[in-house]
Amino acid sequence: MDERYINKFIEIKKLGWIKSLRNGDTGVGYTLEKFINQTKEEKKSLRIKSLRKGSNRRLTLFAKIPIWGQGGRTKLLDDYGYYDKNNRWSLYTSIYATKKTSKGWQIELDQDKLFLNNKNKAVIYWQLKKLQTIIKQKLNNSVMVYADYKKEDGHEFFKYDDFYLAKDPEINNFTKLILNGSMCIDLAIHRDKDTNQVIDKGFLFRININKINELFNSVTKIKL
């Protein structure tokens, strides 16, 4: 690993408690990102993800458009959407392999594909070979940074203590995590009420934070 990163990690660890630079769930990653200040090119070779210690929240690994028939996201929203609390025609849901959602969605896997089924009917899918390529490209050589967190006077603070280098994400590990319910796929689509435009925030592959190390064949603590 580049010595610049090691020196930066040592510097961040020595700072102790750091006030969050953003409110909400994303504050832990955003704050660390600002201190490390990677370029776009650097992010391609080393992904740095920050996690709250002991959290059971989900972390987005990547987004990937599925393979679908004619009509794409517009037909998907037309066929399976509903009016949300903002009176928008929407399709927002977290889908698992271990259970059906209230609207009948569930993940199913075969040897080659990952499907999103609705009421046992395949609607969209991803090829596992393509997902294997994506996780290798996007997640190999990832640094997982675990942070303690606290709140004082309405402000959140983080202490970034533990740094791990994760290598060799494997599709077999990925599918096991899908099948045991540790990973889900989030749909996030709605139609703008004013323009009628379909807004797609991505087909998000998300994992329970406390299970992320199981995605990789190698996870080692970085000595600082």
C-alpha atoms as a PDB file:
ATOM      1  CA  MET A   1       0.000   0.000   0.000  1.00  0.00           C
ATOM      2  CA  ASP A   2       1.184   3.525  -0.827  1.00  0.00           C
ATOM      3  CA  GLU A   3       2.995   5.071   2.140  1.00  0.00           C
ATOM      4  CA  ARG A   4       0.919   8.227   1.724  1.00  0.00           C
ATOM      5  CA  TYR A   5      -2.121   6.299   2.886  1.00  0.00           C
ATOM      6  CA  ILE A   6      -0.300   4.787   5.852  1.00  0.00           C
ATOM      7  CA  ASN A   7       0.865   8.237   6.955  1.00  0.00           C
ATOM      8  CA  LYS A   8      -2.620   9.666   6.491  1.00  0.00           C
ATOM      9  CA  PHE A   9      -4.184   6.818   8.509  1.00  0.00           C
ATOM     10  CA  ILE A  10      -1.670   7.398  11.326  1.00  0.00           C
ATOM     11  CA  GLU A  11      -2.476  11.110  11.278  1.00  0.00           C
ATOM     12  CA  ILE A  12      -6.233  10.481  11.434  1.00  0.00           C
ATOM     13  CA  LYS A  13      -5.852   7.973  14.262  1.00  0.00           C
ATOM     14  CA  LYS A  14      -3.804  10.449  16.307  1.00  0.00           C
ATOM     15  CA  LEU A  15      -6.519  13.106  15.955  1.00  0.00           C
ATOM     16  CA  GLY A  16      -8.850  11.102  18.201  1.00  0.00           C
ATOM     17  CA  TRP A  17     -12.447  12.345  18.214  1.00  0.00           C
ATOM     18  CA  ILE A  18     -13.362  14.268  15.043  1.00  0.00           C
ATOM     19  CA  LYS A  19     -16.577  16.241  14.655  1.00  0.00           C
ATOM     20  CA  SER A  20     -18.734  14.967  11.790  1.00  0.00           C
ATOM     21  CA  LEU A  21     -18.733  17.185   8.721  1.00  0.00           C
ATOM     22  CA  ARG A  22     -22.212  16.031   7.706  1.00  0.00           C
ATOM     23  CA  ASN A  23     -25.384  15.105   9.580  1.00  0.00           C
ATOM     24  CA  GLY A  24     -26.935  11.670   9.212  1.00  0.00           C
ATOM     25  CA  ASP A  25     -25.840   8.144   8.327  1.00  0.00           C
ATOM     26  CA  THR A  26     -23.313   9.185   5.678  1.00  0.00           C
ATOM     27  CA  GLY A  27     -21.365  11.448   8.055  1.00  0.00           C
ATOM     28  CA  VAL A  28     -18.897   8.731   9.063  1.00  0.00           C
ATOM     29  CA  GLY A  29     -17.763   8.112   5.475  1.00  0.00           C
ATOM     30  CA  TYR A  30     -17.981  11.724   4.302  1.00  0.00           C
ATOM     31  CA  THR A  31     -15.845  12.999   7.189  1.00  0.00           C
ATOM     32  CA  LEU A  32     -13.112  10.417   6.624  1.00  0.00           C
ATOM     33  CA  GLU A  33     -13.185  11.054   2.887  1.00  0.00           C
ATOM     34  CA  LYS A  34     -12.539  14.767   3.399  1.00  0.00           C
ATOM     35  CA  PHE A  35      -9.509  14.053   5.588  1.00  0.00           C
ATOM     36  CA  ILE A  36      -7.999  11.541   3.157  1.00  0.00           C
ATOM     37  CA  ASN A  37      -8.825  13.634   0.066  1.00  0.00           C
ATOM     38  CA  GLN A  38      -8.420  10.976  -2.631  1.00  0.00           C
ATOM     39  CA  THR A  39      -8.498  11.879  -6.308  1.00  0.00           C
ATOM     40  CA  LYS A  40     -10.887  10.055  -8.660  1.00  0.00           C
ATOM     41  CA  GLU A  41      -7.986   8.019 -10.029  1.00  0.00           C
ATOM     42  CA  GLU A  42      -6.815   7.046  -6.545  1.00  0.00           C
ATOM     43  CA  LYS A  43     -10.302   5.838  -5.663  1.00  0.00           C
ATOM     44  CA  LYS A  44     -10.166   3.399  -8.583  1.00  0.00           C
ATOM     45  CA  SER A  45      -7.122   1.606  -7.134  1.00  0.00           C
ATOM     46  CA  LEU A  46      -8.028   1.768  -3.417  1.00  0.00           C
ATOM     47  CA  ARG A  47     -11.579   1.957  -2.073  1.00  0.00           C
ATOM     48  CA  ILE A  48     -11.895   3.294   1.462  1.00  0.00           C
ATOM     49  CA  LYS A  49     -15.106   2.579   3.352  1.00  0.00           C
ATOM     50  CA  SER A  50     -15.813   3.787   6.871  1.00  0.00           C
ATOM     51  CA  LEU A  51     -18.093   1.824   9.203  1.00  0.00           C
ATOM     52  CA  ARG A  52     -19.558   2.522  12.624  1.00  0.00           C
ATOM     53  CA  LYS A  53     -18.373  -0.114  15.113  1.00  0.00           C
ATOM     54  CA  GLY A  54     -21.163  -2.409  16.243  1.00  0.00           C
ATOM     55  CA  SER A  55     -23.647  -1.025  13.736  1.00  0.00           C
ATOM     56  CA  ASN A  56     -26.266  -3.268  12.152  1.00  0.00           C
ATOM     57  CA  ARG A  57     -26.923  -0.802   9.335  1.00  0.00           C
ATOM     58  CA  ARG A  58     -26.467  -1.644   5.670  1.00  0.00           C
ATOM     59  CA  LEU A  59     -23.681  -0.349   3.442  1.00  0.00           C
ATOM     60  CA  THR A  60     -24.046   0.169  -0.316  1.00  0.00           C
ATOM     61  CA  LEU A  61     -21.399  -1.836  -2.177  1.00  0.00           C
ATOM     62  CA  PHE A  62     -22.286  -0.769  -5.723  1.00  0.00           C
ATOM     63  CA  ALA A  63     -25.166  -0.022  -8.079  1.00  0.00           C
ATOM     64  CA  LYS A  64     -25.811  -1.947 -11.291  1.00  0.00           C
ATOM     65  CA  ILE A  65     -28.601  -1.648 -13.855  1.00  0.00           C
ATOM     66  CA  PRO A  66     -30.275  -5.043 -14.455  1.00  0.00           C
ATOM     67  CA  ILE A  67     -31.170  -6.825 -17.657  1.00  0.00           C
ATOM     68  CA  TRP A  68     -34.818  -6.232 -18.444  1.00  0.00           C
ATOM     69  CA  GLY A  69     -37.213  -6.514 -21.328  1.00  0.00           C
ATOM     70  CA  GLN A  70     -38.696  -3.743 -23.446  1.00  0.00           C
ATOM     71  CA  GLY A  71     -39.699  -0.626 -21.562  1.00  0.00           C
ATOM     72  CA  GLY A  72     -36.859  -0.679 -19.031  1.00  0.00           C
ATOM     73  CA  ARG A  73     -37.207   1.261 -15.790  1.00  0.00           C
ATOM     74  CA  THR A  74     -40.324   3.069 -17.005  1.00  0.00           C
ATOM     75  CA  LYS A  75     -42.264  -0.170 -17.524  1.00  0.00           C
ATOM     76  CA  LEU A  76     -40.901  -1.544 -14.243  1.00  0.00           C
ATOM     77  CA  LEU A  77     -42.249   1.499 -12.409  1.00  0.00           C
ATOM     78  CA  ASP A  78     -45.547   1.483 -14.323  1.00  0.00           C
ATOM     79  CA  ASP A  79     -46.178  -2.191 -13.590  1.00  0.00           C
ATOM     80  CA  TYR A  80     -45.041  -2.420  -9.965  1.00  0.00           C
ATOM     81  CA  GLY A  81     -45.183   1.099  -8.546  1.00  0.00           C
ATOM     82  CA  TYR A  82     -47.495   2.555  -5.902  1.00  0.00           C
ATOM     83  CA  TYR A  83     -48.304   5.992  -4.458  1.00  0.00           C
ATOM     84  CA  ASP A  84     -45.941   6.845  -1.598  1.00  0.00           C
ATOM     85  CA  LYS A  85     -46.507   9.241   1.323  1.00  0.00           C
ATOM     86  CA  ASN A  86     -45.527  12.149  -0.938  1.00  0.00           C
ATOM     87  CA  ASN A  87     -48.180  11.095  -3.453  1.00  0.00           C
ATOM     88  CA  ARG A  88     -45.523  10.121  -5.994  1.00  0.00           C
ATOM     89  CA  TRP A  89     -45.752   6.979  -8.111  1.00  0.00           C
ATOM     90  CA  SER A  90     -42.814   5.084  -6.610  1.00  0.00           C
ATOM     91  CA  LEU A  91     -40.984   1.810  -6.268  1.00  0.00           C
ATOM     92  CA  TYR A  92     -38.814   1.914  -3.150  1.00  0.00           C
ATOM     93  CA  THR A  93     -38.153  -1.404  -1.457  1.00  0.00           C
ATOM     94  CA  SER A  94     -35.410  -3.631   0.006  1.00  0.00           C
ATOM     95  CA  ILE A  95     -35.512  -7.142  -1.440  1.00  0.00           C
ATOM     96  CA  TYR A  96     -34.020 -10.278   0.168  1.00  0.00           C
ATOM     97  CA  ALA A  97     -33.644 -13.944  -0.753  1.00  0.00           C
ATOM     98  CA  THR A  98     -34.847 -15.132   2.658  1.00  0.00           C
ATOM     99  CA  LYS A  99     -38.343 -13.608   2.610  1.00  0.00           C
ATOM    100  CA  LYS A 100     -40.907 -11.962   0.355  1.00  0.00           C
ATOM    101  CA  THR A 101     -41.754  -8.304   0.740  1.00  0.00           C
ATOM    102  CA  SER A 102     -45.335  -7.260   1.418  1.00  0.00           C
ATOM    103  CA  LYS A 103     -45.686  -6.642  -2.333  1.00  0.00           C
ATOM    104  CA  GLY A 104     -44.323 -10.042  -3.346  1.00  0.00           C
ATOM    105  CA  TRP A 105     -40.664  -9.259  -4.192  1.00  0.00           C
ATOM    106  CA  GLN A 106     -37.899 -11.798  -3.525  1.00  0.00           C
ATOM    107  CA  ILE A 107     -34.394 -12.594  -4.780  1.00  0.00           C
ATOM    108  CA  GLU A 108     -33.795 -15.942  -6.474  1.00  0.00           C
ATOM    109  CA  LEU A 109     -30.511 -17.410  -7.708  1.00  0.00           C
ATOM    110  CA  ASP A 110     -29.614 -20.105 -10.187  1.00  0.00           C
ATOM    111  CA  GLN A 111     -26.177 -21.161 -11.443  1.00  0.00           C
ATOM    112  CA  ASP A 112     -25.851 -18.215 -13.829  1.00  0.00           C
ATOM    113  CA  LYS A 113     -28.221 -15.442 -12.784  1.00  0.00           C
ATOM    114  CA  LEU A 114     -29.597 -13.433  -9.903  1.00  0.00           C
ATOM    115  CA  PHE A 115     -33.297 -12.680 -10.362  1.00  0.00           C
ATOM    116  CA  LEU A 116     -35.731 -10.273  -8.775  1.00  0.00           C
ATOM    117  CA  ASN A 117     -39.041 -12.102  -8.713  1.00  0.00           C
ATOM    118  CA  ASN A 118     -42.462 -10.647  -8.045  1.00  0.00           C
ATOM    119  CA  LYS A 119     -45.038 -13.159  -6.851  1.00  0.00           C
ATOM    120  CA  ASN A 120     -42.721 -15.941  -8.071  1.00  0.00           C
ATOM    121  CA  LYS A 121     -42.406 -14.450 -11.562  1.00  0.00           C
ATOM    122  CA  ALA A 122     -38.953 -13.304 -12.777  1.00  0.00           C
ATOM    123  CA  VAL A 123     -39.038  -9.578 -13.589  1.00  0.00           C
ATOM    124  CA  ILE A 124     -35.387  -8.481 -13.988  1.00  0.00           C
ATOM    125  CA  TYR A 125     -32.015 -10.179 -13.540  1.00  0.00           C
ATOM    126  CA  TRP A 126     -28.220  -9.851 -13.444  1.00  0.00           C
ATOM    127  CA  GLN A 127     -25.676 -12.325 -14.811  1.00  0.00           C
ATOM    128  CA  LEU A 128     -23.442 -13.665 -12.022  1.00  0.00           C
ATOM    129  CA  LYS A 129     -20.368 -13.451 -14.269  1.00  0.00           C
ATOM    130  CA  LYS A 130     -20.985  -9.726 -14.672  1.00  0.00           C
ATOM    131  CA  LEU A 131     -21.470  -9.269 -10.930  1.00  0.00           C
ATOM    132  CA  GLN A 132     -18.197 -11.140 -10.346  1.00  0.00           C
ATOM    133  CA  THR A 133     -16.414  -8.691 -12.644  1.00  0.00           C
ATOM    134  CA  ILE A 134     -17.973  -5.714 -10.851  1.00  0.00           C
ATOM    135  CA  ILE A 135     -17.024  -6.820  -7.350  1.00  0.00           C
ATOM    136  CA  LYS A 136     -13.454  -7.518  -8.493  1.00  0.00           C
ATOM    137  CA  GLN A 137     -13.191  -4.107 -10.154  1.00  0.00           C
ATOM    138  CA  LYS A 138     -14.907  -2.072  -7.449  1.00  0.00           C
ATOM    139  CA  LEU A 139     -14.062  -3.840  -4.203  1.00  0.00           C
ATOM    140  CA  ASN A 140     -10.674  -5.552  -4.518  1.00  0.00           C
ATOM    141  CA  ASN A 141      -8.107  -3.655  -2.429  1.00  0.00           C
ATOM    142  CA  SER A 142     -10.620  -2.037  -0.098  1.00  0.00           C
ATOM    143  CA  VAL A 143      -9.724  -0.457   3.219  1.00  0.00           C
ATOM    144  CA  MET A 144     -12.374  -0.893   5.903  1.00  0.00           C
ATOM    145  CA  VAL A 145     -12.081   1.753   8.600  1.00  0.00           C
ATOM    146  CA  TYR A 146     -14.019   1.078  11.814  1.00  0.00           C
ATOM    147  CA  ALA A 147     -14.978   4.097  13.893  1.00  0.00           C
ATOM    148  CA  ASP A 148     -16.265   4.606  17.417  1.00  0.00           C
ATOM    149  CA  TYR A 149     -18.983   7.236  17.543  1.00  0.00           C
ATOM    150  CA  LYS A 150     -20.724   9.455  20.078  1.00  0.00           C
ATOM    151  CA  LYS A 151     -23.011  12.467  20.279  1.00  0.00           C
ATOM    152  CA  GLU A 152     -22.351  15.641  22.264  1.00  0.00           C
ATOM    153  CA  ASP A 153     -24.582  18.711  22.291  1.00  0.00           C
ATOM    154  CA  GLY A 154     -26.412  17.443  19.207  1.00  0.00           C
ATOM    155  CA  HIS A 155     -23.232  16.861  17.193  1.00  0.00           C
ATOM    156  CA  GLU A 156     -21.817  13.479  16.187  1.00  0.00           C
ATOM    157  CA  PHE A 157     -18.133  12.672  16.618  1.00  0.00           C
ATOM    158  CA  PHE A 158     -16.029   9.815  15.219  1.00  0.00           C
ATOM    159  CA  LYS A 159     -12.780   8.180  16.314  1.00  0.00           C
ATOM    160  CA  TYR A 160     -11.231   6.202  13.473  1.00  0.00           C
ATOM    161  CA  ASP A 161      -9.210   3.479  15.192  1.00  0.00           C
ATOM    162  CA  ASP A 162      -9.107   0.221  13.233  1.00  0.00           C
ATOM    163  CA  PHE A 163      -7.974  -0.069   9.610  1.00  0.00           C
ATOM    164  CA  TYR A 164      -8.246  -3.320   7.629  1.00  0.00           C
ATOM    165  CA  LEU A 165      -7.128  -4.198   4.097  1.00  0.00           C
ATOM    166  CA  ALA A 166      -9.660  -6.447   2.343  1.00  0.00           C
ATOM    167  CA  LYS A 167      -8.708  -8.319  -0.821  1.00  0.00           C
ATOM    168  CA  ASP A 168     -10.110 -10.856  -3.260  1.00  0.00           C
ATOM    169  CA  PRO A 169     -13.901 -10.494  -3.090  1.00  0.00           C
ATOM    170  CA  GLU A 170     -15.395 -13.730  -4.391  1.00  0.00           C
ATOM    171  CA  ILE A 171     -18.709 -14.367  -6.151  1.00  0.00           C
ATOM    172  CA  ASN A 172     -19.310 -17.533  -4.090  1.00  0.00           C
ATOM    173  CA  ASN A 173     -19.030 -15.480  -0.906  1.00  0.00           C
ATOM    174  CA  PHE A 174     -21.328 -12.886  -2.484  1.00  0.00           C
ATOM    175  CA  THR A 175     -24.049 -15.422  -3.285  1.00  0.00           C
ATOM    176  CA  LYS A 176     -23.810 -17.004   0.195  1.00  0.00           C
ATOM    177  CA  LEU A 177     -24.403 -13.574   1.743  1.00  0.00           C
ATOM    178  CA  ILE A 178     -27.381 -13.045  -0.558  1.00  0.00           C
ATOM    179  CA  LEU A 179     -28.864 -16.439   0.312  1.00  0.00           C
ATOM    180  CA  ASN A 180     -28.488 -16.060   4.088  1.00  0.00           C
ATOM    181  CA  GLY A 181     -30.099 -12.617   4.108  1.00  0.00           C
ATOM    182  CA  SER A 182     -26.959 -10.589   4.864  1.00  0.00           C
ATOM    183  CA  MET A 183     -27.294  -8.733   1.553  1.00  0.00           C
ATOM    184  CA  CYS A 184     -30.246  -7.156  -0.205  1.00  0.00           C
ATOM    185  CA  ILE A 185     -31.051  -5.195  -3.355  1.00  0.00           C
ATOM    186  CA  ASP A 186     -32.740  -1.824  -2.983  1.00  0.00           C
ATOM    187  CA  LEU A 187     -34.981  -0.442  -5.708  1.00  0.00           C
ATOM    188  CA  ALA A 188     -35.215   3.356  -5.659  1.00  0.00           C
ATOM    189  CA  ILE A 189     -37.380   4.710  -8.490  1.00  0.00           C
ATOM    190  CA  HIS A 190     -40.141   7.306  -8.672  1.00  0.00           C
ATOM    191  CA  ARG A 191     -41.915   9.544 -11.190  1.00  0.00           C
ATOM    192  CA  ASP A 192     -41.526  13.300 -10.765  1.00  0.00           C
ATOM    193  CA  LYS A 193     -44.973  14.815 -10.218  1.00  0.00           C
ATOM    194  CA  ASP A 194     -44.162  17.979 -12.177  1.00  0.00           C
ATOM    195  CA  THR A 195     -42.161  16.688 -15.148  1.00  0.00           C
ATOM    196  CA  ASN A 196     -43.462  13.092 -15.252  1.00  0.00           C
ATOM    197  CA  GLN A 197     -39.813  12.040 -15.614  1.00  0.00           C
ATOM    198  CA  VAL A 198     -38.746   8.703 -14.118  1.00  0.00           C
ATOM    199  CA  ILE A 199     -36.041   9.255 -11.489  1.00  0.00           C
ATOM    200  CA  ASP A 200     -33.844   6.227 -10.863  1.00  0.00           C
ATOM    201  CA  LYS A 201     -31.449   6.397  -7.896  1.00  0.00           C
ATOM    202  CA  GLY A 202     -29.884   3.088  -8.763  1.00  0.00           C
ATOM    203  CA  PHE A 203     -30.324  -0.641  -8.229  1.00  0.00           C
ATOM    204  CA  LEU A 204     -28.297  -0.829  -5.040  1.00  0.00           C
ATOM    205  CA  PHE A 205     -26.525  -3.932  -3.739  1.00  0.00           C
ATOM    206  CA  ARG A 206     -26.295  -3.470   0.032  1.00  0.00           C
ATOM    207  CA  ILE A 207     -24.737  -5.514   2.829  1.00  0.00           C
ATOM    208  CA  ASN A 208     -25.049  -5.629   6.614  1.00  0.00           C
ATOM    209  CA  ILE A 209     -21.989  -3.810   7.939  1.00  0.00           C
ATOM    210  CA  ASN A 210     -21.125  -6.572  10.404  1.00  0.00           C
ATOM    211  CA  LYS A 211     -20.996  -9.134   7.559  1.00  0.00           C
ATOM    212  CA  ILE A 212     -18.875  -7.254   5.038  1.00  0.00           C
ATOM    213  CA  ASN A 213     -15.607  -9.081   5.861  1.00  0.00           C
ATOM    214  CA  GLU A 214     -17.236 -12.351   4.769  1.00  0.00           C
ATOM    215  CA  LEU A 215     -17.294 -11.065   1.196  1.00  0.00           C
ATOM    216  CA  PHE A 216     -13.484 -11.215   0.959  1.00  0.00           C
ATOM    217  CA  ASN A 217     -11.054 -14.136   0.968  1.00  0.00           C
ATOM    218  CA  SER A 218      -8.404 -12.020   2.734  1.00  0.00           C
ATOM    219  CA  VAL A 219      -8.879  -9.402   5.475  1.00  0.00           C
ATOM    220  CA  THR A 220      -5.813  -8.198   7.432  1.00  0.00           C
ATOM    221  CA  LYS A 221      -5.413  -5.449  10.009  1.00  0.00           C
ATOM    222  CA  ILE A 222      -3.155  -2.595   8.912  1.00  0.00           C
ATOM    223  CA  LYS A 223      -0.403  -2.001  11.473  1.00  0.00           C
ATOM    224  CA  LEU A 224      -0.113   1.709  12.249  1.00  0.00           C
END
